Protein backbone atom coordinates (compact mmCIF):
# COMPACT_ATOMS: atom_id res chain seq x y z
CA MET A 1 126.32 99.71 39.36
CA ARG A 2 124.98 96.50 39.53
CA ARG A 3 126.72 95.79 42.67
CA ARG A 4 125.80 98.84 44.34
CA GLN A 5 122.44 97.78 43.34
CA ASP A 6 122.91 93.82 44.98
CA ARG A 7 124.54 95.68 48.18
CA ARG A 8 121.52 97.79 48.89
CA GLN A 9 119.06 95.29 48.67
CA ARG A 10 120.82 93.36 51.04
CA TRP A 11 121.36 95.70 53.43
CA ARG A 12 117.36 96.65 53.10
CA ALA A 13 116.73 92.88 53.42
CA ALA A 14 118.77 92.98 56.31
CA LEU A 15 116.93 95.65 58.24
CA PRO A 16 113.28 94.93 60.09
CA SER A 17 110.40 95.24 57.93
CA ASN A 18 107.71 96.33 60.40
CA GLY A 19 108.94 100.01 61.40
CA SER A 20 105.86 102.29 61.41
CA VAL A 21 105.48 105.78 63.03
CA ASN A 22 103.28 106.24 65.93
CA LEU A 23 101.07 108.93 64.64
CA ILE A 24 98.53 109.35 68.48
CA SER A 25 101.53 110.54 70.26
CA MET A 26 102.81 113.22 67.70
CA MET A 27 99.48 114.74 66.89
CA ASP A 28 98.85 114.50 71.30
CA ILE A 29 102.35 116.65 71.08
CA LEU A 30 101.15 119.47 68.45
CA THR A 31 98.06 120.09 70.04
CA VAL A 32 99.35 120.92 73.05
CA LEU A 33 101.59 122.88 71.26
CA LEU A 34 98.72 124.64 69.24
CA LEU A 35 96.72 125.10 72.41
CA PHE A 36 99.40 126.60 74.00
CA LEU A 37 100.52 129.06 70.85
CA LEU A 38 96.71 129.88 70.79
CA LYS A 39 96.30 130.71 74.92
CA SER A 40 99.26 132.62 74.54
CA TYR A 41 99.02 134.68 71.45
CA VAL A 42 97.71 138.34 71.71
CA ALA A 43 96.87 140.85 69.15
CA GLY A 44 96.92 143.91 70.78
CA GLY A 45 96.93 145.01 74.00
CA GLU A 46 96.85 142.91 77.34
CA VAL A 47 93.92 139.81 77.67
CA MET A 48 91.49 140.10 80.45
CA VAL A 49 89.59 137.04 81.21
CA PRO A 50 86.55 137.65 84.09
CA PRO A 51 86.54 135.26 87.07
CA ALA A 52 83.75 132.86 86.68
CA GLY A 53 80.27 134.77 87.69
CA ILE A 54 81.40 138.08 86.04
CA ARG A 55 79.16 139.45 83.90
CA LEU A 56 81.18 142.59 82.22
CA PRO A 57 79.10 145.29 80.43
CA ALA A 58 79.28 146.59 77.26
CA SER A 59 81.37 149.34 75.37
CA THR A 60 82.19 151.40 72.37
CA ALA A 61 84.97 152.23 73.04
CA LYS A 62 87.99 151.08 70.18
CA ASP A 63 90.84 151.65 72.50
CA LEU A 64 92.72 148.59 73.76
CA PRO A 65 93.20 148.26 77.72
CA GLN A 66 96.65 149.12 78.71
CA THR A 67 98.77 146.25 80.96
CA SER A 68 97.35 147.33 84.54
CA LEU A 69 96.08 145.28 87.92
CA VAL A 70 93.47 144.21 87.47
CA ILE A 71 90.44 144.35 90.59
CA ALA A 72 87.64 141.38 89.69
CA ILE A 73 84.26 141.92 92.08
CA ASP A 74 81.73 139.32 91.98
CA ASP A 75 78.67 139.45 94.09
CA ASP A 76 80.38 137.92 97.09
CA GLU A 77 84.52 138.85 97.35
CA ILE A 78 87.13 142.30 96.00
CA LEU A 79 89.78 140.03 93.76
CA VAL A 80 93.50 141.62 93.31
CA GLY A 81 94.56 139.17 90.89
CA ASN A 82 93.48 136.30 91.01
CA GLU A 83 93.89 136.47 95.87
CA ARG A 84 90.77 137.02 97.42
CA ALA A 85 91.44 140.63 99.71
CA ALA A 86 88.53 141.90 100.57
CA THR A 87 84.91 140.38 100.68
CA VAL A 88 81.51 142.62 99.62
CA ALA A 89 79.98 142.28 103.16
CA GLU A 90 83.71 143.48 104.57
CA ALA A 91 83.38 146.75 101.88
CA LEU A 92 79.39 147.70 103.15
CA GLY A 93 80.10 147.10 106.57
CA THR A 94 82.80 149.87 106.82
CA GLU A 95 82.12 153.75 107.59
CA GLY A 96 84.12 155.46 105.34
CA LEU A 97 85.09 154.99 101.59
CA GLU A 98 88.30 152.92 102.03
CA VAL A 99 87.99 149.17 102.62
CA ALA A 100 91.20 148.52 104.76
CA PRO A 101 91.46 144.42 103.42
CA LEU A 102 92.13 145.37 99.89
CA ALA A 103 94.39 148.75 100.95
CA ALA A 104 96.97 146.32 103.05
CA ARG A 105 96.65 143.98 99.64
CA LEU A 106 97.45 147.16 97.36
CA GLU A 107 99.88 148.36 99.31
CA GLN A 108 101.80 144.73 99.07
CA VAL A 109 100.97 145.01 95.37
CA ARG A 110 102.84 148.25 95.17
CA ASP A 111 106.01 147.43 97.39
CA GLN A 112 106.07 144.39 94.66
CA GLN A 113 105.90 146.56 91.35
CA ASP A 114 108.46 149.31 93.47
CA GLU A 115 110.69 146.70 93.93
CA ILE A 116 110.54 145.18 90.02
CA ALA A 117 110.89 148.44 89.44
CA ARG A 118 113.98 149.05 91.13
CA ARG A 119 115.03 145.84 89.92
CA ARG A 120 114.99 147.36 86.04
CA GLY A 121 116.79 150.22 87.08
CA ASP A 122 113.73 152.37 86.70
CA PRO A 123 113.17 153.32 90.41
CA HIS A 124 110.49 156.74 88.67
CA ALA A 125 108.02 154.30 87.16
CA THR A 126 104.98 156.33 89.51
CA THR A 127 102.86 156.21 87.47
CA ARG A 128 100.04 153.18 88.27
CA SER A 129 97.25 152.07 86.95
CA ALA A 130 94.34 149.71 87.67
CA THR A 131 91.69 147.70 85.46
CA ILE A 132 88.51 146.76 87.50
CA GLN A 133 86.11 144.10 86.71
CA GLY A 134 82.85 143.87 88.02
CA ASP A 135 79.90 142.52 87.48
CA ARG A 136 77.06 144.50 85.60
CA ASN A 137 75.11 144.09 88.55
CA ILE A 138 77.27 144.80 91.78
CA GLU A 139 76.26 148.09 93.78
CA PHE A 140 77.37 151.40 93.28
CA ARG A 141 78.38 151.79 97.07
CA VAL A 142 81.23 148.82 96.31
CA LEU A 143 82.57 150.41 93.01
CA GLN A 144 82.78 154.09 94.90
CA LYS A 145 84.34 152.28 97.90
CA VAL A 146 86.99 150.32 95.31
CA MET A 147 87.92 153.10 93.33
CA PHE A 148 88.08 155.61 96.82
CA THR A 149 90.57 152.27 97.88
CA LEU A 150 92.66 151.92 94.57
CA ASN A 151 92.93 156.05 94.35
CA GLN A 152 94.18 156.51 98.23
CA SER A 153 96.78 153.22 97.43
CA GLY A 154 98.82 155.49 95.02
CA TYR A 155 96.69 154.29 91.92
CA ASP A 156 96.30 157.27 89.14
CA ALA A 157 94.50 155.45 86.74
CA ILE A 158 91.69 153.58 86.93
CA ALA A 159 89.95 152.25 83.87
CA LEU A 160 86.61 149.58 84.13
CA ALA A 161 86.61 146.38 81.88
CA VAL A 162 83.77 145.92 79.50
CA LEU A 163 83.06 143.94 76.56
CA GLN A 164 83.12 145.89 73.13
CA LYS A 165 80.00 145.74 71.51
CA SER A 166 80.31 144.75 67.96
């Protein structure tokens, strides 16, 4: 037994004694991991973050939003996803209710959705839904034209994003 202890002591004496753990880099990694998990964690429904400059109206609805195409309308632009599809001036400048640049972008998105459904083996996924995130101060005429264009492009279920009142 004594020999074993002597061997251990000699072995430990041969090891460098200035070893330490760098906790700063480990804390950086854990912080990034924590932020990633918090960003990607969803308790239910879809996370919708309105673009900068859009203040959503409040609502008392309890239902969670379903996954859908997001159309954002601010003071200057109409966005499909995060890409500019048209300007509010273009929407207000058209004679009819359909906004042509928005309709063209929606057709591209619809074709992409059809291709994804075809690859998944579900070519009959015909229910298309869209959620409009509009600033509470946008003109009703703009909202009306966007809703009409969505309907004409095959989006049957149109919802308005709002903030839930406490």
